[in-house]
């Protein structure tokens, strides 16, 4: 099984800020922060969008 990393780890590896990722996903920066801090669950549709933006397989993102 491939290694899973958190959204923040993938985002940082790709050199994106929370604001930049939020803009690419069409959500606000607060939403990305809440996902990364586990305050809000990430919906499956957003996992696939995050994977697309970060160019990783969706199963490698730890929600």
PDB file of N, CA and C in Angstrom:
ATOM      1  N   UNK A   1       0.848  -1.183   0.000  1.00  0.00           N
ATOM      2  CA  UNK A   1       0.000   0.000   0.000  1.00  0.00           C
ATOM      3  C   UNK A   1       0.891   1.243   0.000  1.00  0.00           C
ATOM      4  N   UNK A   2       0.577   2.219  -0.845  1.00  0.00           N
ATOM      5  CA  UNK A   2       1.384   3.434  -0.896  1.00  0.00           C
ATOM      6  C   UNK A   2       1.255   4.238   0.396  1.00  0.00           C
ATOM      7  N   UNK A   3       2.300   4.982   0.695  1.00  0.00           N
ATOM      8  CA  UNK A   3       2.300   5.804   1.900  1.00  0.00           C
ATOM      9  C   UNK A   3       1.242   6.897   1.793  1.00  0.00           C
ATOM     10  N   UNK A   4       0.517   7.101   2.884  1.00  0.00           N
ATOM     11  CA  UNK A   4      -0.459   8.178   2.945  1.00  0.00           C
ATOM     12  C   UNK A   4       0.137   9.341   3.719  1.00  0.00           C
ATOM     13  N   UNK A   5      -0.101  10.544   3.220  1.00  0.00           N
ATOM     14  CA  UNK A   5       0.322  11.751   3.913  1.00  0.00           C
ATOM     15  C   UNK A   5      -0.885  12.656   4.115  1.00  0.00           C
ATOM     16  N   UNK A   6      -0.792  13.521   5.098  1.00  0.00           N
ATOM     17  CA  UNK A   6      -1.873  14.466   5.359  1.00  0.00           C
ATOM     18  C   UNK A   6      -1.968  15.503   4.245  1.00  0.00           C
ATOM     19  N   UNK A   7      -3.083  16.187   4.207  1.00  0.00           N
ATOM     20  CA  UNK A   7      -3.264  17.247   3.216  1.00  0.00           C
ATOM     21  C   UNK A   7      -2.168  18.295   3.378  1.00  0.00           C
ATOM     22  N   UNK A   8      -1.886  18.675   4.617  1.00  0.00           N
ATOM     23  CA  UNK A   8      -0.865  19.711   4.835  1.00  0.00           C
ATOM     24  C   UNK A   8       0.512  19.248   4.375  1.00  0.00           C
ATOM     25  N   UNK A   9       0.843  17.980   4.600  1.00  0.00           N
ATOM     26  CA  UNK A   9       2.147  17.471   4.167  1.00  0.00           C
ATOM     27  C   UNK A   9       2.257  17.498   2.643  1.00  0.00           C
ATOM     28  N   UNK A  10       1.209  17.053   1.953  1.00  0.00           N
ATOM     29  CA  UNK A  10       1.232  17.086   0.490  1.00  0.00           C
ATOM     30  C   UNK A  10       1.283  18.524  -0.007  1.00  0.00           C
ATOM     31  N   UNK A  11       0.480  19.396   0.613  1.00  0.00           N
ATOM     32  CA  UNK A  11       0.432  20.795   0.191  1.00  0.00           C
ATOM     33  C   UNK A  11       1.812  21.440   0.322  1.00  0.00           C
ATOM     34  N   UNK A  12       2.456  21.210   1.466  1.00  0.00           N
ATOM     35  CA  UNK A  12       3.774  21.788   1.699  1.00  0.00           C
ATOM     36  C   UNK A  12       4.814  21.193   0.742  1.00  0.00           C
ATOM     37  N   UNK A  13       4.706  19.896   0.479  1.00  0.00           N
ATOM     38  CA  UNK A  13       5.647  19.258  -0.450  1.00  0.00           C
ATOM     39  C   UNK A  13       5.547  19.873  -1.845  1.00  0.00           C
ATOM     40  N   UNK A  14       4.334  20.264  -2.218  1.00  0.00           N
ATOM     41  CA  UNK A  14       4.121  20.858  -3.543  1.00  0.00           C
ATOM     42  C   UNK A  14       4.366  22.365  -3.542  1.00  0.00           C
ATOM     43  N   UNK A  15       4.727  22.935  -2.377  1.00  0.00           N
ATOM     44  CA  UNK A  15       5.069  24.353  -2.293  1.00  0.00           C
ATOM     45  C   UNK A  15       3.885  25.302  -2.337  1.00  0.00           C
ATOM     46  N   UNK A  16       2.732  24.835  -1.875  1.00  0.00           N
ATOM     47  CA  UNK A  16       1.529  25.671  -1.880  1.00  0.00           C
ATOM     48  C   UNK A  16       1.177  26.150  -0.478  1.00  0.00           C
ATOM     49  N   UNK A  17       0.643  27.343  -0.396  1.00  0.00           N
ATOM     50  CA  UNK A  17       0.082  27.844   0.862  1.00  0.00           C
ATOM     51  C   UNK A  17      -1.353  27.350   0.972  1.00  0.00           C
ATOM     52  N   UNK A  18      -1.931  27.503   2.148  1.00  0.00           N
ATOM     53  CA  UNK A  18      -3.342  27.155   2.300  1.00  0.00           C
ATOM     54  C   UNK A  18      -4.185  28.021   1.368  1.00  0.00           C
ATOM     55  N   UNK A  19      -3.823  29.277   1.261  1.00  0.00           N
ATOM     56  CA  UNK A  19      -4.570  30.198   0.398  1.00  0.00           C
ATOM     57  C   UNK A  19      -4.508  29.754  -1.065  1.00  0.00           C
ATOM     58  N   UNK A  20      -3.321  29.374  -1.533  1.00  0.00           N
ATOM     59  CA  UNK A  20      -3.170  28.948  -2.925  1.00  0.00           C
ATOM     60  C   UNK A  20      -3.969  27.677  -3.205  1.00  0.00           C
ATOM     61  N   UNK A  21      -3.908  26.712  -2.272  1.00  0.00           N
ATOM     62  CA  UNK A  21      -4.681  25.480  -2.455  1.00  0.00           C
ATOM     63  C   UNK A  21      -6.168  25.790  -2.462  1.00  0.00           C
ATOM     64  N   UNK A  22      -6.605  26.651  -1.558  1.00  0.00           N
ATOM     65  CA  UNK A  22      -8.016  27.029  -1.483  1.00  0.00           C
ATOM     66  C   UNK A  22      -8.486  27.644  -2.802  1.00  0.00           C
ATOM     67  N   UNK A  23      -7.680  28.535  -3.371  1.00  0.00           N
ATOM     68  CA  UNK A  23      -8.050  29.174  -4.636  1.00  0.00           C
ATOM     69  C   UNK A  23      -8.185  28.143  -5.750  1.00  0.00           C
ATOM     70  N   UNK A  24      -7.267  27.194  -5.803  1.00  0.00           N
ATOM     71  CA  UNK A  24      -7.312  26.166  -6.843  1.00  0.00           C
ATOM     72  C   UNK A  24      -8.533  25.253  -6.692  1.00  0.00           C
ATOM     73  N   UNK A  25      -8.994  25.082  -5.445  1.00  0.00           N
ATOM     74  CA  UNK A  25     -10.133  24.200  -5.183  1.00  0.00           C
ATOM     75  C   UNK A  25     -11.470  24.931  -5.202  1.00  0.00           C
ATOM     76  N   UNK A  26     -11.431  26.261  -5.195  1.00  0.00           N
ATOM     77  CA  UNK A  26     -12.670  27.034  -5.164  1.00  0.00           C
ATOM     78  C   UNK A  26     -13.329  27.050  -3.798  1.00  0.00           C
ATOM     79  N   UNK A  27     -12.512  26.941  -2.743  1.00  0.00           N
ATOM     80  CA  UNK A  27     -13.008  27.028  -1.370  1.00  0.00           C
ATOM     81  C   UNK A  27     -12.242  28.154  -0.684  1.00  0.00           C
ATOM     82  N   UNK A  28     -12.627  28.490   0.545  1.00  0.00           N
ATOM     83  CA  UNK A  28     -11.878  29.542   1.214  1.00  0.00           C
ATOM     84  C   UNK A  28     -10.756  28.956   2.067  1.00  0.00           C
ATOM     85  N   UNK A  29      -9.824  29.806   2.422  1.00  0.00           N
ATOM     86  CA  UNK A  29      -8.647  29.378   3.173  1.00  0.00           C
ATOM     87  C   UNK A  29      -9.030  28.740   4.512  1.00  0.00           C
ATOM     88  N   UNK A  30     -10.089  29.247   5.125  1.00  0.00           N
ATOM     89  CA  UNK A  30     -10.547  28.699   6.409  1.00  0.00           C
ATOM     90  C   UNK A  30     -10.933  27.227   6.265  1.00  0.00           C
ATOM     91  N   UNK A  31     -11.548  26.873   5.157  1.00  0.00           N
ATOM     92  CA  UNK A  31     -11.946  25.481   4.916  1.00  0.00           C
ATOM     93  C   UNK A  31     -10.722  24.579   4.879  1.00  0.00           C
ATOM     94  N   UNK A  32      -9.685  25.001   4.145  1.00  0.00           N
ATOM     95  CA  UNK A  32      -8.454  24.206   4.072  1.00  0.00           C
ATOM     96  C   UNK A  32      -7.847  24.066   5.461  1.00  0.00           C
ATOM     97  N   UNK A  33      -7.820  25.146   6.226  1.00  0.00           N
ATOM     98  CA  UNK A  33      -7.291  25.112   7.590  1.00  0.00           C
ATOM     99  C   UNK A  33      -8.079  24.133   8.457  1.00  0.00           C
ATOM    100  N   UNK A  34      -9.396  24.153   8.336  1.00  0.00           N
ATOM    101  CA  UNK A  34     -10.241  23.252   9.127  1.00  0.00           C
ATOM    102  C   UNK A  34     -10.010  21.795   8.734  1.00  0.00           C
ATOM    103  N   UNK A  35      -9.806  21.517   7.460  1.00  0.00           N
ATOM    104  CA  UNK A  35      -9.483  20.150   7.039  1.00  0.00           C
ATOM    105  C   UNK A  35      -8.169  19.715   7.655  1.00  0.00           C
ATOM    106  N   UNK A  36      -7.163  20.577   7.549  1.00  0.00           N
ATOM    107  CA  UNK A  36      -5.831  20.221   8.024  1.00  0.00           C
ATOM    108  C   UNK A  36      -5.773  20.064   9.542  1.00  0.00           C
ATOM    109  N   UNK A  37      -6.617  20.799  10.252  1.00  0.00           N
ATOM    110  CA  UNK A  37      -6.635  20.728  11.709  1.00  0.00           C
ATOM    111  C   UNK A  37      -7.712  19.784  12.241  1.00  0.00           C
ATOM    112  N   UNK A  38      -8.318  19.016  11.322  1.00  0.00           N
ATOM    113  CA  UNK A  38      -9.315  17.995  11.673  1.00  0.00           C
ATOM    114  C   UNK A  38     -10.560  18.562  12.361  1.00  0.00           C
ATOM    115  N   UNK A  39     -10.868  19.824  12.078  1.00  0.00           N
ATOM    116  CA  UNK A  39     -12.074  20.430  12.644  1.00  0.00           C
ATOM    117  C   UNK A  39     -13.308  20.086  11.819  1.00  0.00           C
ATOM    118  N   UNK A  40     -13.072  19.785  10.541  1.00  0.00           N
ATOM    119  CA  UNK A  40     -14.145  19.436   9.611  1.00  0.00           C
ATOM    120  C   UNK A  40     -13.668  18.257   8.782  1.00  0.00           C
ATOM    121  N   UNK A  41     -14.540  17.301   8.555  1.00  0.00           N
ATOM    122  CA  UNK A  41     -14.188  16.153   7.707  1.00  0.00           C
ATOM    123  C   UNK A  41     -14.143  16.572   6.246  1.00  0.00           C
ATOM    124  N   UNK A  42     -13.220  15.986   5.516  1.00  0.00           N
ATOM    125  CA  UNK A  42     -13.099  16.267   4.085  1.00  0.00           C
ATOM    126  C   UNK A  42     -14.044  15.338   3.340  1.00  0.00           C
ATOM    127  N   UNK A  43     -14.909  15.909   2.531  1.00  0.00           N
ATOM    128  CA  UNK A  43     -15.843  15.101   1.747  1.00  0.00           C
ATOM    129  C   UNK A  43     -15.090  14.399   0.625  1.00  0.00           C
ATOM    130  N   UNK A  44     -15.561  13.213   0.248  1.00  0.00           N
ATOM    131  CA  UNK A  44     -14.885  12.462  -0.820  1.00  0.00           C
ATOM    132  C   UNK A  44     -14.666  13.272  -2.093  1.00  0.00           C
ATOM    133  N   UNK A  45     -15.635  14.091  -2.475  1.00  0.00           N
ATOM    134  CA  UNK A  45     -15.470  14.887  -3.702  1.00  0.00           C
ATOM    135  C   UNK A  45     -14.290  15.842  -3.577  1.00  0.00           C
ATOM    136  N   UNK A  46     -14.052  16.335  -2.357  1.00  0.00           N
ATOM    137  CA  UNK A  46     -12.919  17.237  -2.160  1.00  0.00           C
ATOM    138  C   UNK A  46     -11.598  16.475  -2.139  1.00  0.00           C
ATOM    139  N   UNK A  47     -11.607  15.250  -1.635  1.00  0.00           N
ATOM    140  CA  UNK A  47     -10.383  14.434  -1.658  1.00  0.00           C
ATOM    141  C   UNK A  47      -9.914  14.267  -3.102  1.00  0.00           C
ATOM    142  N   UNK A  48     -10.849  13.956  -4.004  1.00  0.00           N
ATOM    143  CA  UNK A  48     -10.486  13.777  -5.408  1.00  0.00           C
ATOM    144  C   UNK A  48     -10.008  15.093  -6.026  1.00  0.00           C
ATOM    145  N   UNK A  49     -10.632  16.204  -5.660  1.00  0.00           N
ATOM    146  CA  UNK A  49     -10.200  17.507  -6.177  1.00  0.00           C
ATOM    147  C   UNK A  49      -8.807  17.864  -5.654  1.00  0.00           C
ATOM    148  N   UNK A  50      -8.565  17.595  -4.373  1.00  0.00           N
ATOM    149  CA  UNK A  50      -7.252  17.854  -3.782  1.00  0.00           C
ATOM    150  C   UNK A  50      -6.201  17.007  -4.488  1.00  0.00           C
ATOM    151  N   UNK A  51      -6.507  15.741  -4.694  1.00  0.00           N
ATOM    152  CA  UNK A  51      -5.575  14.840  -5.371  1.00  0.00           C
ATOM    153  C   UNK A  51      -5.249  15.350  -6.774  1.00  0.00           C
ATOM    154  N   UNK A  52      -6.254  15.812  -7.477  1.00  0.00           N
ATOM    155  CA  UNK A  52      -6.046  16.333  -8.829  1.00  0.00           C
ATOM    156  C   UNK A  52      -5.128  17.556  -8.805  1.00  0.00           C
ATOM    157  N   UNK A  53      -5.418  18.497  -7.912  1.00  0.00           N
ATOM    158  CA  UNK A  53      -4.628  19.725  -7.825  1.00  0.00           C
ATOM    159  C   UNK A  53      -3.186  19.424  -7.418  1.00  0.00           C
ATOM    160  N   UNK A  54      -3.014  18.497  -6.472  1.00  0.00           N
ATOM    161  CA  UNK A  54      -1.673  18.194  -5.965  1.00  0.00           C
ATOM    162  C   UNK A  54      -0.960  17.129  -6.799  1.00  0.00           C
ATOM    163  N   UNK A  55      -1.664  16.587  -7.779  1.00  0.00           N
ATOM    164  CA  UNK A  55      -1.095  15.569  -8.676  1.00  0.00           C
ATOM    165  C   UNK A  55      -0.599  14.327  -7.931  1.00  0.00           C
ATOM    166  N   UNK A  56      -1.476  13.823  -7.048  1.00  0.00           N
ATOM    167  CA  UNK A  56      -1.207  12.572  -6.331  1.00  0.00           C
ATOM    168  C   UNK A  56      -2.454  11.700  -6.413  1.00  0.00           C
ATOM    169  N   UNK A  57      -2.314  10.417  -6.198  1.00  0.00           N
ATOM    170  CA  UNK A  57      -3.462   9.516  -6.165  1.00  0.00           C
ATOM    171  C   UNK A  57      -4.288   9.809  -4.918  1.00  0.00           C
ATOM    172  N   UNK A  58      -5.594   9.777  -5.057  1.00  0.00           N
ATOM    173  CA  UNK A  58      -6.484  10.077  -3.945  1.00  0.00           C
ATOM    174  C   UNK A  58      -6.254   9.150  -2.748  1.00  0.00           C
ATOM    175  N   UNK A  59      -5.883   7.908  -3.002  1.00  0.00           N
ATOM    176  CA  UNK A  59      -5.678   6.978  -1.892  1.00  0.00           C
ATOM    177  C   UNK A  59      -4.394   7.273  -1.110  1.00  0.00           C
ATOM    178  N   UNK A  60      -3.611   8.227  -1.572  1.00  0.00           N
ATOM    179  CA  UNK A  60      -2.388   8.606  -0.863  1.00  0.00           C
ATOM    180  C   UNK A  60      -2.616   9.809   0.054  1.00  0.00           C
ATOM    181  N   UNK A  61      -3.842  10.326   0.059  1.00  0.00           N
ATOM    182  CA  UNK A  61      -4.170  11.457   0.932  1.00  0.00           C
ATOM    183  C   UNK A  61      -4.876  10.931   2.172  1.00  0.00           C
ATOM    184  N   UNK A  62      -4.294  11.240   3.321  1.00  0.00           N
ATOM    185  CA  UNK A  62      -4.896  10.852   4.598  1.00  0.00           C
ATOM    186  C   UNK A  62      -5.838  11.964   5.014  1.00  0.00           C
ATOM    187  N   UNK A  63      -7.141  11.691   5.037  1.00  0.00           N
ATOM    188  CA  UNK A  63      -8.123  12.739   5.372  1.00  0.00           C
ATOM    189  C   UNK A  63      -7.999  13.222   6.809  1.00  0.00           C
TER     190      UNK A  63
END
